[in-house]
């Protein structure tokens, strides 16, 4: 197996770049802190990581992280690329994660290290589960074509009974929603057990599907242990549901792989906890690198935050994340995942999102932007539908509000 996979990093160090990069490459392949007799030249040729490229990005005021070597010396930043033989790990996503993001962040030669991208060989992509539904399958199941899917989140997040949840779903289906999801905090608690919630919600969705000819997609949060997730998936499937949801950082790659291989429904993957992997600019992951592993593991939808969001992420980062999900892995196996825009979204963000993304293959999820609309949830849904239609037609927000009372009211409320 001659294929290799590559990882790009931003490195901060006080050491010469070549030495620091070689230390990382050795630690994450055949080497250790000093030479050992068994690491022969033949073994290194077969299994060692290689430093492929180094680009100096300039000087720093000091180390970003505590515990770095030579703290009293000048520090510099570089972009480095390291590659590994796929034979080291085989087509194993958990072991590739251990290789590209294992015991390297804590090396004392590292004063900052961020994994920014991965390039994975076609052999690995082909051997991975990948999304079973993605954009096309999600559109087929939801009956939504040519525009974004308009979605919302059950709120309050926790505390509603199954019957109260079903009543809210009834209201949202009447309002014309395309997609509803559980909050990530609601899985199988005593107040709203998973089975009871599914059995209360799905008759409502089926009734509205008979009325409209289109079934609203509800992402039931089945996050749990593997056997629990499989059983919960089977319940949703038997009740005619069309989506399940899981929290990536809670179930891990192995849990996700087990779920994908069992599932016959789209998997809506929530990224809660993303901040602890990414918020410090000198540590952790950029979303394009992190999400590629989950795409290969089979995520059909993934959250990317939203423009003008309630969190700390920049609009540039949000759009880069969405574009990365829509960029094919390979021509033979594109592994496209549908981006989910959420977090403080209203009709007003539709214009900016379309202007920079120029793609309608997304779920646009608004909680307060629908539920807090002054004229009610139906007007909230309509305001977002009208906003996206206007944006895609090339109109400005100011031009669009004249033809949409719902959008005009949204502007007064949220603008």
Protein backbone atom coordinates (compact mmCIF):
# COMPACT_ATOMS: atom_id res chain seq x y z
CA UNK A 1 0.00 0.00 0.00
CA UNK A 2 1.96 3.02 -1.31
CA UNK A 3 -0.74 5.66 -0.78
CA UNK A 4 -0.06 8.45 1.71
CA UNK A 5 -2.24 10.95 3.53
CA UNK A 6 -1.21 14.51 4.34
CA UNK A 7 -1.98 16.99 7.11
CA UNK A 8 -1.38 20.73 7.12
CA UNK A 9 -0.62 22.54 10.39
CA UNK A 10 0.15 26.01 11.61
CA UNK A 11 3.11 25.54 13.95
CA UNK A 12 4.45 28.00 16.51
CA UNK A 13 7.87 27.22 17.96
CA UNK A 14 11.13 28.68 19.25
CA UNK A 15 13.12 25.87 17.64
CA UNK A 16 14.27 25.77 14.03
CA UNK A 17 11.25 24.79 11.97
CA UNK A 18 12.97 21.75 10.51
CA UNK A 19 13.78 20.39 13.95
CA UNK A 20 10.31 20.97 15.39
CA UNK A 21 8.59 19.50 12.33
CA UNK A 22 10.87 16.45 12.37
CA UNK A 23 10.08 15.94 16.05
CA UNK A 24 6.35 15.94 15.30
CA UNK A 25 6.81 13.56 12.36
CA UNK A 26 8.91 11.18 14.42
CA UNK A 27 6.57 11.24 17.42
CA UNK A 28 3.61 10.43 15.19
CA UNK A 29 5.26 7.57 13.33
CA UNK A 30 8.34 5.43 13.95
CA UNK A 31 10.42 7.70 16.20
CA UNK A 32 10.54 8.69 19.87
CA UNK A 33 12.52 11.18 22.00
CA UNK A 34 15.82 9.45 21.16
CA UNK A 35 17.07 6.94 18.64
CA UNK A 36 16.28 3.29 19.34
CA UNK A 37 18.02 0.28 17.76
CA UNK A 38 14.94 -1.06 16.01
CA UNK A 39 14.33 2.06 13.93
CA UNK A 40 16.34 0.94 10.95
CA UNK A 41 16.62 2.78 7.66
CA UNK A 42 14.46 0.11 6.06
CA UNK A 43 11.79 0.57 8.72
CA UNK A 44 11.85 4.35 8.32
CA UNK A 45 11.55 4.03 4.57
CA UNK A 46 8.50 1.85 5.09
CA UNK A 47 6.72 3.62 7.95
CA UNK A 48 8.17 6.99 8.90
CA UNK A 49 6.26 10.21 8.47
CA UNK A 50 7.76 12.79 6.12
CA UNK A 51 7.94 16.54 6.43
CA UNK A 52 6.80 17.58 2.98
CA UNK A 53 6.74 21.37 3.13
CA UNK A 54 7.60 24.25 5.46
CA UNK A 55 6.63 27.89 4.86
CA UNK A 56 7.81 30.59 7.26
CA UNK A 57 4.92 32.83 8.36
CA UNK A 58 6.91 35.26 10.47
CA UNK A 59 7.82 36.18 14.03
CA UNK A 60 5.60 36.12 17.11
CA UNK A 61 5.58 38.15 20.31
CA UNK A 62 5.85 34.99 22.39
CA UNK A 63 4.48 31.47 22.89
CA UNK A 64 0.71 31.05 22.67
CA UNK A 65 0.60 28.05 25.01
CA UNK A 66 2.16 27.28 28.38
CA UNK A 67 4.81 24.60 28.79
CA UNK A 68 6.64 25.23 25.54
CA UNK A 69 10.40 24.81 25.35
CA UNK A 70 12.65 27.88 25.21
CA UNK A 71 9.99 30.25 26.43
CA UNK A 72 12.54 33.03 26.76
CA UNK A 73 13.55 32.86 23.09
CA UNK A 74 11.88 34.35 20.02
CA UNK A 75 9.09 32.35 18.50
CA UNK A 76 8.03 32.03 14.88
CA UNK A 77 5.07 30.60 13.01
CA UNK A 78 5.18 28.28 10.01
CA UNK A 79 2.81 26.31 7.84
CA UNK A 80 4.00 22.72 7.71
CA UNK A 81 2.79 19.64 5.85
CA UNK A 82 3.47 16.12 7.09
CA UNK A 83 2.55 12.90 5.31
CA UNK A 84 2.20 9.28 6.44
CA UNK A 85 1.93 5.97 4.62
CA UNK A 86 -1.67 4.74 4.63
CA UNK A 87 -0.13 1.35 5.42
CA UNK A 88 0.57 2.64 8.95
CA UNK A 89 -3.11 2.86 9.80
CA UNK A 90 -4.98 1.10 7.06
CA UNK A 91 -8.35 2.63 6.15
CA UNK A 92 -9.15 3.21 9.83
CA UNK A 93 -10.55 6.67 10.60
CA UNK A 94 -10.04 6.38 14.37
CA UNK A 95 -6.37 5.53 13.86
CA UNK A 96 -5.89 8.24 11.26
CA UNK A 97 -7.28 10.68 13.85
CA UNK A 98 -4.78 9.34 16.40
CA UNK A 99 -2.01 9.91 13.86
CA UNK A 100 -2.82 13.44 12.67
CA UNK A 101 -4.18 14.71 16.02
CA UNK A 102 -2.65 12.54 18.73
CA UNK A 103 0.34 13.20 21.00
CA UNK A 104 1.63 16.15 19.01
CA UNK A 105 -0.22 19.13 20.50
CA UNK A 106 1.50 18.61 23.85
CA UNK A 107 5.09 18.25 22.61
CA UNK A 108 7.32 20.79 24.35
CA UNK A 109 8.74 21.99 21.04
CA UNK A 110 5.23 23.14 20.18
CA UNK A 111 4.16 26.59 21.35
CA UNK A 112 1.05 26.39 19.17
CA UNK A 113 -0.26 23.84 16.70
CA UNK A 114 -3.45 23.85 14.65
CA UNK A 115 -4.53 21.20 12.15
CA UNK A 116 -5.89 23.13 9.18
CA UNK A 117 -6.54 20.57 6.44
CA UNK A 118 -6.26 16.94 5.43
CA UNK A 119 -5.67 15.37 2.04
CA UNK A 120 -6.80 11.78 1.98
CA UNK A 121 -6.08 9.29 -0.80
CA UNK A 122 -8.84 7.83 -2.98
CA UNK A 123 -8.23 4.40 -1.50
CA UNK A 124 -9.20 5.66 1.95
CA UNK A 125 -12.23 7.59 0.69
CA UNK A 126 -13.49 4.53 -1.21
CA UNK A 127 -13.04 2.27 1.83
CA UNK A 128 -15.00 4.59 4.17
CA UNK A 129 -18.79 4.53 4.65
CA UNK A 130 -19.34 8.14 3.46
CA UNK A 131 -22.77 9.84 3.47
CA UNK A 132 -25.55 7.54 2.34
CA UNK A 133 -27.97 10.40 1.59
CA UNK A 134 -26.17 13.76 1.56
CA UNK A 135 -27.81 16.57 -0.40
CA UNK A 136 -29.65 14.53 -3.04
CA UNK A 137 -31.05 11.93 -0.67
CA UNK A 138 -32.13 14.55 1.84
CA UNK A 139 -33.94 16.51 -0.87
CA UNK A 140 -35.64 13.35 -2.11
CA UNK A 141 -36.93 12.43 1.34
CA UNK A 142 -38.05 15.96 2.21
CA UNK A 143 -39.52 16.89 -1.17
CA UNK A 144 -37.68 20.21 -1.16
CA UNK A 145 -35.94 21.16 -4.40
CA UNK A 146 -34.30 24.30 -5.72
CA UNK A 147 -34.06 26.17 -2.43
CA UNK A 148 -32.66 25.72 1.07
CA UNK A 149 -34.57 23.56 3.51
CA UNK A 150 -36.09 25.78 6.21
CA UNK A 151 -35.72 24.24 9.64
CA UNK A 152 -36.11 24.89 13.33
CA UNK A 153 -35.20 23.44 16.72
CA UNK A 154 -37.59 22.32 19.43
CA UNK A 155 -37.44 24.95 22.18
CA UNK A 156 -37.40 24.98 25.16
CA UNK A 157 -34.53 22.53 24.72
CA UNK A 158 -35.46 20.48 27.79
CA UNK A 159 -38.64 20.23 29.81
CA UNK A 160 -41.38 19.60 27.25
CA UNK A 161 -43.28 16.33 27.53
CA UNK A 162 -43.73 14.09 24.48
CA UNK A 163 -47.26 15.40 24.07
CA UNK A 164 -46.13 19.03 24.31
CA UNK A 165 -43.39 18.31 21.78
CA UNK A 166 -45.93 16.77 19.41
CA UNK A 167 -48.18 19.82 19.79
CA UNK A 168 -45.28 22.07 18.81
CA UNK A 169 -44.52 19.85 15.82
CA UNK A 170 -48.19 20.12 14.79
CA UNK A 171 -47.95 23.90 14.87
CA UNK A 172 -44.69 23.91 12.89
CA UNK A 173 -45.99 21.51 10.25
CA UNK A 174 -49.05 23.71 9.84
CA UNK A 175 -46.67 26.67 9.45
CA UNK A 176 -44.97 25.02 6.47
CA UNK A 177 -41.64 24.01 7.99
CA UNK A 178 -39.37 21.58 6.09
CA UNK A 179 -37.14 20.31 8.88
CA UNK A 180 -37.32 20.03 12.68
CA UNK A 181 -34.64 18.79 15.03
CA UNK A 182 -34.36 17.91 18.69
CA UNK A 183 -32.03 20.12 20.66
CA UNK A 184 -28.75 18.33 21.39
CA UNK A 185 -29.64 18.34 25.10
CA UNK A 186 -32.80 16.30 24.51
CA UNK A 187 -32.10 12.62 23.97
CA UNK A 188 -33.74 10.16 26.38
CA UNK A 189 -34.50 12.01 29.61
CA UNK A 190 -37.22 11.09 32.08
CA UNK A 191 -39.44 14.04 31.15
CA UNK A 192 -39.40 13.26 27.42
CA UNK A 193 -38.20 9.68 26.82
CA UNK A 194 -37.00 8.92 23.31
CA UNK A 195 -39.54 6.19 22.54
CA UNK A 196 -42.48 8.21 23.86
CA UNK A 197 -41.34 11.27 21.90
CA UNK A 198 -41.08 9.33 18.63
CA UNK A 199 -44.48 7.71 19.14
CA UNK A 200 -46.07 11.08 19.90
CA UNK A 201 -44.43 13.06 17.10
CA UNK A 202 -44.58 10.70 14.14
CA UNK A 203 -48.40 10.41 13.93
CA UNK A 204 -48.48 14.20 13.67
CA UNK A 205 -45.91 14.21 10.87
CA UNK A 206 -47.71 11.40 9.04
CA UNK A 207 -51.03 13.24 9.28
CA UNK A 208 -49.55 16.38 7.76
CA UNK A 209 -47.80 14.34 5.05
CA UNK A 210 -51.17 12.91 4.03
CA UNK A 211 -52.54 16.47 3.84
CA UNK A 212 -49.64 18.04 1.92
CA UNK A 213 -48.02 15.14 0.07
CA UNK A 214 -44.66 16.06 1.64
CA UNK A 215 -43.24 14.61 4.87
CA UNK A 216 -41.53 17.02 7.25
CA UNK A 217 -38.09 15.71 8.20
CA UNK A 218 -37.62 15.39 11.97
CA UNK A 219 -34.11 14.64 13.28
CA UNK A 220 -34.61 12.65 16.48
CA UNK A 221 -31.58 12.88 18.77
CA UNK A 222 -30.63 9.27 19.47
CA UNK A 223 -27.19 10.02 21.00
CA UNK A 224 -26.22 7.20 23.36
CA UNK A 225 -24.33 3.94 23.48
CA UNK A 226 -24.10 1.99 20.24
CA UNK A 227 -26.78 -0.58 21.03
CA UNK A 228 -29.10 2.18 22.22
CA UNK A 229 -28.57 4.18 19.04
CA UNK A 230 -29.27 1.18 16.83
CA UNK A 231 -32.50 0.39 18.66
CA UNK A 232 -33.60 4.03 18.58
CA UNK A 233 -32.86 4.24 14.86
CA UNK A 234 -34.99 1.17 14.23
CA UNK A 235 -37.90 2.71 16.13
CA UNK A 236 -37.73 5.91 14.07
CA UNK A 237 -37.54 3.85 10.87
CA UNK A 238 -40.53 1.70 11.86
CA UNK A 239 -42.60 4.82 12.61
CA UNK A 240 -41.88 6.29 9.18
CA UNK A 241 -39.31 8.85 10.30
CA UNK A 242 -36.81 10.19 7.80
CA UNK A 243 -33.85 11.40 9.91
CA UNK A 244 -31.85 10.73 13.04
CA UNK A 245 -29.41 12.96 14.88
CA UNK A 246 -26.28 12.32 16.94
CA UNK A 247 -23.72 14.45 18.76
CA UNK A 248 -20.32 13.86 17.15
CA UNK A 249 -18.11 14.57 20.15
CA UNK A 250 -20.29 12.46 22.44
CA UNK A 251 -20.35 9.28 20.37
CA UNK A 252 -16.90 9.51 18.78
CA UNK A 253 -15.79 8.23 15.41
CA UNK A 254 -16.29 4.57 16.33
CA UNK A 255 -19.84 5.25 17.47
CA UNK A 256 -20.51 7.17 14.28
CA UNK A 257 -19.10 4.39 12.11
CA UNK A 258 -21.22 1.79 13.87
CA UNK A 259 -24.32 3.94 13.49
CA UNK A 260 -23.69 4.67 9.78
CA UNK A 261 -23.21 1.01 8.96
CA UNK A 262 -26.52 0.19 10.65
CA UNK A 263 -28.59 3.19 9.62
CA UNK A 264 -31.10 3.32 6.78
CA UNK A 265 -31.84 7.00 7.44
CA UNK A 266 -29.88 10.26 7.03
CA UNK A 267 -27.63 11.12 9.97
CA UNK A 268 -27.79 14.73 11.13
CA UNK A 269 -24.50 15.26 12.96
CA UNK A 270 -24.33 17.96 15.62
CA UNK A 271 -20.95 19.45 16.47
CA UNK A 272 -21.68 20.61 20.06
CA UNK A 273 -18.37 20.96 21.85
CA UNK A 274 -16.72 22.35 18.74
CA UNK A 275 -15.47 25.35 20.71
CA UNK A 276 -13.11 23.31 22.86
CA UNK A 277 -11.53 21.92 19.70
CA UNK A 278 -11.19 25.20 17.88
CA UNK A 279 -11.62 28.41 19.84
CA UNK A 280 -7.97 29.13 20.58
CA UNK A 281 -6.48 30.17 17.22
CA UNK A 282 -3.16 28.48 17.97
CA UNK A 283 -4.55 25.10 19.03
CA UNK A 284 -6.86 22.39 17.77
CA UNK A 285 -8.62 22.13 14.43
CA UNK A 286 -9.90 24.10 11.50
CA UNK A 287 -13.32 22.82 10.51
CA UNK A 288 -12.38 21.56 7.01
CA UNK A 289 -9.84 19.15 8.52
CA UNK A 290 -12.07 17.94 11.38
CA UNK A 291 -15.18 17.54 9.27
CA UNK A 292 -13.51 15.40 6.61
CA UNK A 293 -13.21 12.54 9.07
CA UNK A 294 -16.91 12.77 9.95
CA UNK A 295 -17.90 13.02 6.30
CA UNK A 296 -16.01 9.82 5.60
CA UNK A 297 -17.65 8.25 8.65
CA UNK A 298 -21.04 8.95 7.07
CA UNK A 299 -22.49 12.28 8.18
CA UNK A 300 -25.26 13.43 5.84
CA UNK A 301 -25.71 16.85 7.51
CA UNK A 302 -23.25 18.81 9.65
CA UNK A 303 -23.60 22.08 11.54
CA UNK A 304 -21.46 25.05 10.46
CA UNK A 305 -22.90 27.84 12.66
CA UNK A 306 -24.37 30.85 10.79
CA UNK A 307 -23.66 34.42 9.74
CA UNK A 308 -23.90 37.04 12.52
CA UNK A 309 -24.24 34.17 14.95
CA UNK A 310 -24.62 34.22 18.72
CA UNK A 311 -21.26 32.50 19.18
CA UNK A 312 -17.70 33.73 18.63
CA UNK A 313 -17.11 32.39 15.12
CA UNK A 314 -16.47 34.78 12.26
CA UNK A 315 -18.62 34.88 9.14
CA UNK A 316 -15.54 33.98 7.06
CA UNK A 317 -15.03 30.81 9.09
CA UNK A 318 -18.71 29.84 8.76
CA UNK A 319 -18.66 30.15 4.97
CA UNK A 320 -15.33 28.33 4.68
CA UNK A 321 -16.82 25.49 6.72
CA UNK A 322 -19.92 25.26 4.53
CA UNK A 323 -17.87 25.33 1.34
CA UNK A 324 -15.64 22.57 2.64
CA UNK A 325 -18.64 20.25 3.18
CA UNK A 326 -19.83 20.88 -0.38
CA UNK A 327 -16.38 20.28 -1.93
CA UNK A 328 -16.01 16.74 -3.32
CA UNK A 329 -13.44 14.47 -1.71
CA UNK A 330 -12.73 12.72 -5.02
CA UNK A 331 -14.48 12.68 -8.38
CA UNK A 332 -15.47 9.03 -7.90
CA UNK A 333 -16.61 9.40 -4.28
CA UNK A 334 -17.48 13.03 -3.57
CA UNK A 335 -18.78 12.42 -0.01
CA UNK A 336 -20.78 15.67 -0.06
CA UNK A 337 -22.39 16.59 3.26
CA UNK A 338 -25.23 19.11 3.58
CA UNK A 339 -24.26 22.14 5.71
CA UNK A 340 -26.62 23.24 8.47
CA UNK A 341 -26.73 26.96 9.23
CA UNK A 342 -28.02 27.76 12.72
CA UNK A 343 -27.39 29.89 15.81
CA UNK A 344 -29.29 33.14 15.95
CA UNK A 345 -30.50 32.93 12.35
CA UNK A 346 -33.47 34.91 11.01
CA UNK A 347 -34.75 35.85 7.58
CA UNK A 348 -32.25 38.69 7.50
CA UNK A 349 -29.20 36.42 7.19
CA UNK A 350 -30.53 34.77 4.04
CA UNK A 351 -29.28 37.61 1.85
CA UNK A 352 -25.71 37.59 3.14
CA UNK A 353 -25.53 33.80 3.16
CA UNK A 354 -26.62 33.54 -0.48
CA UNK A 355 -24.36 36.38 -1.55
CA UNK A 356 -21.20 34.66 -0.34
CA UNK A 357 -22.11 30.97 -0.68
CA UNK A 358 -24.12 30.97 -3.93
CA UNK A 359 -25.48 27.53 -3.09
CA UNK A 360 -28.96 26.51 -1.98
CA UNK A 361 -27.88 23.05 -0.82
CA UNK A 362 -28.22 23.72 2.89
CA UNK A 363 -30.52 23.54 5.88
CA UNK A 364 -31.26 26.99 7.28
CA UNK A 365 -32.36 26.43 10.87
CA UNK A 366 -33.93 29.27 12.86
CA UNK A 367 -35.36 28.94 16.34
CA UNK A 368 -36.25 32.40 17.55
CA UNK A 369 -36.29 33.62 13.95
CA UNK A 370 -39.43 31.52 13.48
CA UNK A 371 -40.95 31.14 16.93
CA UNK A 372 -40.44 34.79 17.94
CA UNK A 373 -41.84 36.30 14.74
CA UNK A 374 -44.47 38.85 15.85
CA UNK A 375 -47.12 37.35 13.57
CA UNK A 376 -46.49 33.76 14.65
CA UNK A 377 -44.51 30.74 13.44
CA UNK A 378 -46.23 30.53 10.05
CA UNK A 379 -45.17 34.09 9.31
CA UNK A 380 -41.69 33.25 10.61
CA UNK A 381 -41.38 30.39 8.12
CA UNK A 382 -42.82 32.55 5.34
CA UNK A 383 -40.39 35.37 6.10
CA UNK A 384 -37.42 33.02 5.63
CA UNK A 385 -38.87 31.44 2.50
CA UNK A 386 -39.50 34.87 1.01
CA UNK A 387 -36.06 36.09 2.00
CA UNK A 388 -34.32 33.18 0.30
CA UNK A 389 -36.47 33.49 -2.82
CA UNK A 390 -35.66 37.18 -3.04
CA UNK A 391 -31.96 36.69 -2.38
CA UNK A 392 -31.68 33.98 -5.03
CA UNK A 393 -33.53 36.26 -7.47
CA UNK A 394 -30.93 38.97 -6.94
CA UNK A 395 -33.09 41.34 -4.89
CA UNK A 396 -31.88 43.27 -1.88
CA UNK A 397 -33.56 43.08 1.51
CA UNK A 398 -34.96 46.57 0.99
CA UNK A 399 -36.50 45.54 -2.33
CA UNK A 400 -37.91 42.31 -0.95
CA UNK A 401 -39.79 43.67 2.07
CA UNK A 402 -42.24 45.54 -0.15
CA UNK A 403 -43.63 42.25 -1.48
CA UNK A 404 -43.58 40.31 1.79
CA UNK A 405 -45.42 41.50 4.92
CA UNK A 406 -43.87 38.60 6.82
CA UNK A 407 -40.36 39.69 5.83
CA UNK A 408 -41.14 43.33 6.64
CA UNK A 409 -42.26 42.30 10.12
CA UNK A 410 -39.10 40.23 10.54
CA UNK A 411 -37.00 43.26 9.64
CA UNK A 412 -38.79 45.38 12.22
CA UNK A 413 -38.37 42.71 14.89
CA UNK A 414 -34.92 41.31 14.21
CA UNK A 415 -33.20 44.10 12.30
